[in-house]
All heavy atoms as atom14 arrays in JSON, in Angstrom:
{
  "sequence": "LQMNGLQPEDTAVYYCAASTFIPTGNFYFAAAYNYE",
  "atom14_mask": [
    [1, 1, 1, 1, 1, 1, 1, 1, 0, 0, 0, 0, 0, 0],
    [1, 1, 1, 1, 1, 1, 1, 1, 1, 0, 0, 0, 0, 0],
    [1, 1, 1, 1, 1, 1, 1, 1, 0, 0, 0, 0, 0, 0],
    [1, 1, 1, 1, 1, 1, 1, 1, 0, 0, 0, 0, 0, 0],
    [1, 1, 1, 1, 0, 0, 0, 0, 0, 0, 0, 0, 0, 0],
    [1, 1, 1, 1, 1, 1, 1, 1, 0, 0, 0, 0, 0, 0],
    [1, 1, 1, 1, 1, 1, 1, 1, 1, 0, 0, 0, 0, 0],
    [1, 1, 1, 1, 1, 1, 1, 0, 0, 0, 0, 0, 0, 0],
    [1, 1, 1, 1, 1, 1, 1, 1, 1, 0, 0, 0, 0, 0],
    [1, 1, 1, 1, 1, 1, 1, 1, 0, 0, 0, 0, 0, 0],
    [1, 1, 1, 1, 1, 1, 1, 0, 0, 0, 0, 0, 0, 0],
    [1, 1, 1, 1, 1, 0, 0, 0, 0, 0, 0, 0, 0, 0],
    [1, 1, 1, 1, 1, 1, 1, 0, 0, 0, 0, 0, 0, 0],
    [1, 1, 1, 1, 1, 1, 1, 1, 1, 1, 1, 1, 0, 0],
    [1, 1, 1, 1, 1, 1, 1, 1, 1, 1, 1, 1, 0, 0],
    [1, 1, 1, 1, 1, 1, 0, 0, 0, 0, 0, 0, 0, 0],
    [1, 1, 1, 1, 1, 0, 0, 0, 0, 0, 0, 0, 0, 0],
    [1, 1, 1, 1, 1, 0, 0, 0, 0, 0, 0, 0, 0, 0],
    [1, 1, 1, 1, 1, 1, 0, 0, 0, 0, 0, 0, 0, 0],
    [1, 1, 1, 1, 1, 1, 1, 0, 0, 0, 0, 0, 0, 0],
    [1, 1, 1, 1, 1, 1, 1, 1, 1, 1, 1, 0, 0, 0],
    [1, 1, 1, 1, 1, 1, 1, 1, 0, 0, 0, 0, 0, 0],
    [1, 1, 1, 1, 1, 1, 1, 0, 0, 0, 0, 0, 0, 0],
    [1, 1, 1, 1, 1, 1, 1, 0, 0, 0, 0, 0, 0, 0],
    [1, 1, 1, 1, 0, 0, 0, 0, 0, 0, 0, 0, 0, 0],
    [1, 1, 1, 1, 1, 1, 1, 1, 0, 0, 0, 0, 0, 0],
    [1, 1, 1, 1, 1, 1, 1, 1, 1, 1, 1, 0, 0, 0],
    [1, 1, 1, 1, 1, 1, 1, 1, 1, 1, 1, 1, 0, 0],
    [1, 1, 1, 1, 1, 1, 1, 1, 1, 1, 1, 0, 0, 0],
    [1, 1, 1, 1, 1, 0, 0, 0, 0, 0, 0, 0, 0, 0],
    [1, 1, 1, 1, 1, 0, 0, 0, 0, 0, 0, 0, 0, 0],
    [1, 1, 1, 1, 1, 0, 0, 0, 0, 0, 0, 0, 0, 0],
    [1, 1, 1, 1, 1, 1, 1, 1, 1, 1, 1, 1, 0, 0],
    [1, 1, 1, 1, 1, 1, 1, 1, 0, 0, 0, 0, 0, 0],
    [1, 1, 1, 1, 1, 1, 1, 1, 1, 1, 1, 1, 0, 0],
    [1, 1, 1, 1, 1, 1, 1, 1, 1, 0, 0, 0, 0, 0]
  ],
  "atom14_positions": [
    [[75.92, -66.65, -95.65], [75.86, -65.62, -94.62], [77.16, -65.74, -93.81], [77.34, -66.71, -93.07], [74.66, -65.78, -93.71], [74.55, -64.74, -92.59], [74.37, -63.34, -93.17], [73.4, -65.08, -91.62], [0.0, 0.0, 0.0], [0.0, 0.0, 0.0], [0.0, 0.0, 0.0], [0.0, 0.0, 0.0], [0.0, 0.0, 0.0], [0.0, 0.0, 0.0]],
    [[78.01, -64.76, -93.95], [79.25, -64.7, -93.14], [78.95, -63.91, -91.89], [78.52, -62.75, -91.98], [80.36, -64.05, -93.96], [81.66, -63.92, -93.19], [82.3, -65.25, -92.87], [82.37, -66.14, -93.71], [82.78, -65.41, -91.64], [0.0, 0.0, 0.0], [0.0, 0.0, 0.0], [0.0, 0.0, 0.0], [0.0, 0.0, 0.0], [0.0, 0.0, 0.0]],
    [[79.19, -64.53, -90.75], [78.9, -63.89, -89.48], [80.18, -63.78, -88.68], [80.84, -64.78, -88.4], [77.87, -64.71, -88.69], [76.58, -64.97, -89.45], [75.32, -65.78, -88.47], [76.08, -67.39, -88.23], [0.0, 0.0, 0.0], [0.0, 0.0, 0.0], [0.0, 0.0, 0.0], [0.0, 0.0, 0.0], [0.0, 0.0, 0.0], [0.0, 0.0, 0.0]],
    [[80.54, -62.56, -88.32], [81.74, -62.3, -87.54], [81.38, -61.62, -86.23], [80.32, -61.04, -86.08], [82.69, -61.39, -88.35], [83.14, -62.01, -89.65], [83.34, -63.24, -89.75], [83.26, -61.18, -90.68], [0.0, 0.0, 0.0], [0.0, 0.0, 0.0], [0.0, 0.0, 0.0], [0.0, 0.0, 0.0], [0.0, 0.0, 0.0], [0.0, 0.0, 0.0]],
    [[82.31, -61.7, -85.28], [82.08, -61.05, -83.99], [80.81, -61.52, -83.31], [80.06, -60.71, -82.79], [0.0, 0.0, 0.0], [0.0, 0.0, 0.0], [0.0, 0.0, 0.0], [0.0, 0.0, 0.0], [0.0, 0.0, 0.0], [0.0, 0.0, 0.0], [0.0, 0.0, 0.0], [0.0, 0.0, 0.0], [0.0, 0.0, 0.0], [0.0, 0.0, 0.0]],
    [[80.58, -62.81, -83.3], [79.31, -63.34, -82.81], [79.14, -63.09, -81.32], [80.1, -63.21, -80.54], [79.19, -64.8, -83.12], [78.87, -65.09, -84.62], [79.15, -66.53, -84.96], [77.39, -64.75, -84.9], [0.0, 0.0, 0.0], [0.0, 0.0, 0.0], [0.0, 0.0, 0.0], [0.0, 0.0, 0.0], [0.0, 0.0, 0.0], [0.0, 0.0, 0.0]],
    [[77.92, -62.75, -80.93], [77.54, -62.44, -79.58], [76.48, -63.45, -79.1], [75.76, -64.02, -79.94], [76.98, -61.03, -79.53], [77.88, -59.94, -80.08], [79.14, -59.79, -79.27], [79.09, -59.76, -78.02], [80.29, -59.67, -79.94], [0.0, 0.0, 0.0], [0.0, 0.0, 0.0], [0.0, 0.0, 0.0], [0.0, 0.0, 0.0], [0.0, 0.0, 0.0]],
    [[76.33, -63.62, -77.8], [75.3, -64.55, -77.31], [73.92, -64.21, -77.83], [73.11, -65.14, -78.08], [75.37, -64.38, -75.78], [76.79, -64.01, -75.54], [77.18, -63.13, -76.71], [0.0, 0.0, 0.0], [0.0, 0.0, 0.0], [0.0, 0.0, 0.0], [0.0, 0.0, 0.0], [0.0, 0.0, 0.0], [0.0, 0.0, 0.0], [0.0, 0.0, 0.0]],
    [[73.62, -62.94, -78.05], [72.31, -62.56, -78.57], [72.09, -62.95, -80.03], [70.99, -62.81, -80.55], [72.06, -61.06, -78.39], [73.15, -60.17, -78.98], [74.2, -59.78, -77.93], [74.49, -60.61, -77.03], [74.71, -58.68, -78.04], [0.0, 0.0, 0.0], [0.0, 0.0, 0.0], [0.0, 0.0, 0.0], [0.0, 0.0, 0.0], [0.0, 0.0, 0.0]],
    [[73.15, -63.43, -80.69], [73.02, -63.95, -82.05], [72.54, -65.38, -82.05], [72.26, -65.94, -83.14], [74.34, -63.84, -82.8], [74.8, -62.42, -82.99], [73.94, -61.55, -83.31], [76.0, -62.15, -82.85], [0.0, 0.0, 0.0], [0.0, 0.0, 0.0], [0.0, 0.0, 0.0], [0.0, 0.0, 0.0], [0.0, 0.0, 0.0], [0.0, 0.0, 0.0]],
    [[72.44, -66.0, -80.9], [71.94, -67.38, -80.8], [70.52, -67.44, -81.32], [69.64, -66.72, -80.82], [72.04, -67.87, -79.36], [73.39, -67.94, -78.95], [71.39, -69.25, -79.21], [0.0, 0.0, 0.0], [0.0, 0.0, 0.0], [0.0, 0.0, 0.0], [0.0, 0.0, 0.0], [0.0, 0.0, 0.0], [0.0, 0.0, 0.0], [0.0, 0.0, 0.0]],
    [[70.29, -68.32, -82.29], [68.99, -68.43, -82.94], [69.02, -69.53, -83.99], [70.1, -70.02, -84.31], [68.59, -67.1, -83.6], [0.0, 0.0, 0.0], [0.0, 0.0, 0.0], [0.0, 0.0, 0.0], [0.0, 0.0, 0.0], [0.0, 0.0, 0.0], [0.0, 0.0, 0.0], [0.0, 0.0, 0.0], [0.0, 0.0, 0.0], [0.0, 0.0, 0.0]],
    [[67.86, -69.86, -84.48], [67.77, -70.66, -85.69], [67.77, -69.73, -86.88], [66.99, -68.77, -86.9], [66.51, -71.56, -85.69], [66.42, -72.33, -87.01], [66.51, -72.49, -84.49], [0.0, 0.0, 0.0], [0.0, 0.0, 0.0], [0.0, 0.0, 0.0], [0.0, 0.0, 0.0], [0.0, 0.0, 0.0], [0.0, 0.0, 0.0], [0.0, 0.0, 0.0]],
    [[68.64, -69.97, -87.82], [68.77, -69.11, -88.99], [68.13, -69.78, -90.17], [68.42, -70.96, -90.48], [70.26, -68.81, -89.25], [70.82, -67.8, -88.27], [71.05, -68.16, -86.95], [71.11, -66.49, -88.69], [71.57, -67.22, -86.07], [71.61, -65.57, -87.8], [71.83, -65.94, -86.48], [72.32, -65.02, -85.59], [0.0, 0.0, 0.0], [0.0, 0.0, 0.0]],
    [[67.28, -69.01, -90.86], [66.54, -69.52, -92.01], [66.91, -68.73, -93.27], [67.04, -67.5, -93.22], [65.03, -69.33, -91.8], [64.48, -70.08, -90.61], [64.41, -69.47, -89.35], [63.97, -71.36, -90.73], [63.89, -70.14, -88.25], [63.42, -72.04, -89.66], [63.4, -71.41, -88.42], [62.88, -72.08, -87.33], [0.0, 0.0, 0.0], [0.0, 0.0, 0.0]],
    [[67.03, -69.44, -94.38], [67.1, -68.74, -95.64], [65.71, -68.76, -96.3], [64.94, -69.65, -96.03], [68.17, -69.29, -96.55], [67.86, -70.95, -97.2], [0.0, 0.0, 0.0], [0.0, 0.0, 0.0], [0.0, 0.0, 0.0], [0.0, 0.0, 0.0], [0.0, 0.0, 0.0], [0.0, 0.0, 0.0], [0.0, 0.0, 0.0], [0.0, 0.0, 0.0]],
    [[65.49, -67.75, -97.1], [64.16, -67.6, -97.73], [64.34, -67.07, -99.15], [65.31, -66.37, -99.43], [63.31, -66.66, -96.93], [0.0, 0.0, 0.0], [0.0, 0.0, 0.0], [0.0, 0.0, 0.0], [0.0, 0.0, 0.0], [0.0, 0.0, 0.0], [0.0, 0.0, 0.0], [0.0, 0.0, 0.0], [0.0, 0.0, 0.0], [0.0, 0.0, 0.0]],
    [[63.4, -67.42, -100.01], [63.44, -67.02, -101.4], [62.14, -66.4, -101.83], [61.06, -66.81, -101.4], [63.77, -68.25, -102.27], [0.0, 0.0, 0.0], [0.0, 0.0, 0.0], [0.0, 0.0, 0.0], [0.0, 0.0, 0.0], [0.0, 0.0, 0.0], [0.0, 0.0, 0.0], [0.0, 0.0, 0.0], [0.0, 0.0, 0.0], [0.0, 0.0, 0.0]],
    [[62.28, -65.44, -102.75], [61.1, -64.76, -103.3], [61.25, -64.54, -104.77], [62.33, -64.21, -105.24], [60.91, -63.42, -102.59], [59.85, -62.69, -103.2], [0.0, 0.0, 0.0], [0.0, 0.0, 0.0], [0.0, 0.0, 0.0], [0.0, 0.0, 0.0], [0.0, 0.0, 0.0], [0.0, 0.0, 0.0], [0.0, 0.0, 0.0], [0.0, 0.0, 0.0]],
    [[60.14, -64.72, -105.49], [60.18, -64.49, -106.93], [60.11, -63.01, -107.29], [60.53, -62.61, -108.37], [59.05, -65.22, -107.62], [57.8, -64.88, -107.01], [59.24, -66.74, -107.56], [0.0, 0.0, 0.0], [0.0, 0.0, 0.0], [0.0, 0.0, 0.0], [0.0, 0.0, 0.0], [0.0, 0.0, 0.0], [0.0, 0.0, 0.0], [0.0, 0.0, 0.0]],
    [[59.54, -62.21, -106.4], [59.5, -60.78, -106.68], [59.31, -60.0, -105.4], [58.43, -60.3, -104.59], [58.35, -60.43, -107.61], [58.18, -58.96, -107.8], [59.07, -58.24, -108.59], [57.19, -58.24, -107.14], [58.95, -56.87, -108.75], [57.05, -56.87, -107.28], [57.94, -56.18, -108.08], [0.0, 0.0, 0.0], [0.0, 0.0, 0.0], [0.0, 0.0, 0.0]],
    [[60.17, -59.0, -105.2], [60.03, -58.08, -104.08], [60.31, -56.66, -104.6], [61.32, -56.43, -105.3], [61.02, -58.39, -102.96], [60.79, -59.79, -102.39], [60.89, -57.35, -101.83], [61.7, -60.15, -101.26], [0.0, 0.0, 0.0], [0.0, 0.0, 0.0], [0.0, 0.0, 0.0], [0.0, 0.0, 0.0], [0.0, 0.0, 0.0], [0.0, 0.0, 0.0]],
    [[59.45, -55.7, -104.3], [59.73, -54.31, -104.71], [61.03, -53.82, -104.07], [61.43, -54.25, -103.0], [58.53, -53.54, -104.14], [57.48, -54.56, -103.96], [58.19, -55.82, -103.59], [0.0, 0.0, 0.0], [0.0, 0.0, 0.0], [0.0, 0.0, 0.0], [0.0, 0.0, 0.0], [0.0, 0.0, 0.0], [0.0, 0.0, 0.0], [0.0, 0.0, 0.0]],
    [[61.67, -52.9, -104.75], [62.94, -52.35, -104.26], [62.74, -51.63, -102.93], [61.77, -50.88, -102.77], [63.54, -51.4, -105.3], [63.77, -52.12, -106.51], [64.84, -50.82, -104.8], [0.0, 0.0, 0.0], [0.0, 0.0, 0.0], [0.0, 0.0, 0.0], [0.0, 0.0, 0.0], [0.0, 0.0, 0.0], [0.0, 0.0, 0.0], [0.0, 0.0, 0.0]],
    [[63.66, -51.85, -102.01], [63.59, -51.11, -100.76], [63.73, -52.03, -99.56], [63.22, -53.16, -99.59], [0.0, 0.0, 0.0], [0.0, 0.0, 0.0], [0.0, 0.0, 0.0], [0.0, 0.0, 0.0], [0.0, 0.0, 0.0], [0.0, 0.0, 0.0], [0.0, 0.0, 0.0], [0.0, 0.0, 0.0], [0.0, 0.0, 0.0], [0.0, 0.0, 0.0]],
    [[64.39, -51.53, -98.53], [64.64, -52.34, -97.34], [63.36, -52.78, -96.66], [63.26, -53.89, -96.16], [65.51, -51.54, -96.36], [66.15, -52.41, -95.33], [67.15, -53.06, -95.61], [65.58, -52.49, -94.13], [0.0, 0.0, 0.0], [0.0, 0.0, 0.0], [0.0, 0.0, 0.0], [0.0, 0.0, 0.0], [0.0, 0.0, 0.0], [0.0, 0.0, 0.0]],
    [[62.35, -51.89, -96.72], [61.07, -52.23, -96.07], [60.52, -53.52, -96.6], [60.03, -54.36, -95.87], [60.1, -51.07, -96.28], [58.7, -51.39, -95.82], [58.38, -51.25, -94.48], [57.7, -51.82, -96.69], [57.1, -51.53, -94.0], [56.42, -52.1, -96.24], [56.15, -51.96, -94.89], [0.0, 0.0, 0.0], [0.0, 0.0, 0.0], [0.0, 0.0, 0.0]],
    [[60.56, -53.68, -97.92], [59.95, -54.87, -98.55], [60.83, -56.09, -98.38], [60.32, -57.18, -98.12], [59.71, -54.58, -100.03], [58.75, -53.46, -100.26], [59.18, -52.2, -100.65], [57.37, -53.65, -100.04], [58.31, -51.16, -100.84], [56.47, -52.61, -100.22], [56.96, -51.37, -100.63], [56.07, -50.35, -100.81], [0.0, 0.0, 0.0], [0.0, 0.0, 0.0]],
    [[62.14, -55.93, -98.52], [63.04, -57.08, -98.37], [63.06, -57.6, -96.94], [63.36, -58.75, -96.7], [64.45, -56.71, -98.82], [64.65, -56.89, -100.3], [64.23, -55.92, -101.19], [65.28, -58.01, -100.81], [64.4, -56.07, -102.54], [65.46, -58.16, -102.19], [65.01, -57.21, -103.06], [0.0, 0.0, 0.0], [0.0, 0.0, 0.0], [0.0, 0.0, 0.0]],
    [[62.77, -56.77, -95.97], [62.79, -57.17, -94.56], [61.51, -57.85, -94.1], [61.46, -58.35, -93.0], [63.05, -55.95, -93.68], [0.0, 0.0, 0.0], [0.0, 0.0, 0.0], [0.0, 0.0, 0.0], [0.0, 0.0, 0.0], [0.0, 0.0, 0.0], [0.0, 0.0, 0.0], [0.0, 0.0, 0.0], [0.0, 0.0, 0.0], [0.0, 0.0, 0.0]],
    [[60.52, -57.88, -94.96], [59.21, -58.42, -94.55], [59.12, -59.89, -94.9], [59.17, -60.28, -96.09], [58.08, -57.66, -95.26], [0.0, 0.0, 0.0], [0.0, 0.0, 0.0], [0.0, 0.0, 0.0], [0.0, 0.0, 0.0], [0.0, 0.0, 0.0], [0.0, 0.0, 0.0], [0.0, 0.0, 0.0], [0.0, 0.0, 0.0], [0.0, 0.0, 0.0]],
    [[58.97, -60.75, -93.88], [58.94, -62.19, -94.1], [57.81, -62.64, -95.0], [57.95, -63.61, -95.74], [58.83, -62.89, -92.72], [0.0, 0.0, 0.0], [0.0, 0.0, 0.0], [0.0, 0.0, 0.0], [0.0, 0.0, 0.0], [0.0, 0.0, 0.0], [0.0, 0.0, 0.0], [0.0, 0.0, 0.0], [0.0, 0.0, 0.0], [0.0, 0.0, 0.0]],
    [[56.7, -61.91, -94.99], [55.56, -62.32, -95.8], [55.8, -62.2, -97.3], [55.05, -62.72, -98.1], [54.3, -61.55, -95.4], [54.39, -60.03, -95.56], [54.33, -59.42, -96.82], [54.55, -59.21, -94.43], [54.42, -58.05, -96.95], [54.63, -57.83, -94.57], [54.59, -57.25, -95.82], [54.65, -55.9, -95.93], [0.0, 0.0, 0.0], [0.0, 0.0, 0.0]],
    [[56.87, -61.54, -97.69], [57.21, -61.42, -99.11], [57.97, -62.63, -99.65], [58.26, -62.67, -100.84], [58.03, -60.15, -99.37], [57.15, -58.91, -99.44], [56.02, -58.96, -99.93], [57.64, -57.8, -98.96], [0.0, 0.0, 0.0], [0.0, 0.0, 0.0], [0.0, 0.0, 0.0], [0.0, 0.0, 0.0], [0.0, 0.0, 0.0], [0.0, 0.0, 0.0]],
    [[58.32, -63.57, -98.81], [59.1, -64.75, -99.21], [58.23, -65.97, -99.27], [57.57, -66.33, -98.28], [60.28, -64.94, -98.27], [61.25, -63.77, -98.33], [61.05, -62.65, -97.55], [62.33, -63.81, -99.2], [61.91, -61.57, -97.61], [63.2, -62.72, -99.27], [63.0, -61.61, -98.48], [63.85, -60.53, -98.58], [0.0, 0.0, 0.0], [0.0, 0.0, 0.0]],
    [[58.21, -66.64, -100.4], [57.35, -67.77, -100.6], [57.97, -69.08, -100.13], [57.26, -70.04, -99.8], [57.0, -67.96, -102.08], [56.32, -66.77, -102.72], [57.2, -66.16, -103.78], [58.17, -65.44, -103.44], [56.95, -66.45, -104.98], [0.0, 0.0, 0.0], [0.0, 0.0, 0.0], [0.0, 0.0, 0.0], [0.0, 0.0, 0.0], [0.0, 0.0, 0.0]]
  ]
}
């Protein structure tokens, strides 16, 4: 994850996540429950 132009509101713990299958579409990829 390349992060540029960082702002104070970007302060957080960043997690990576993996999934064996997610349907196509931003809605599904954005849902944390789809990552095992």
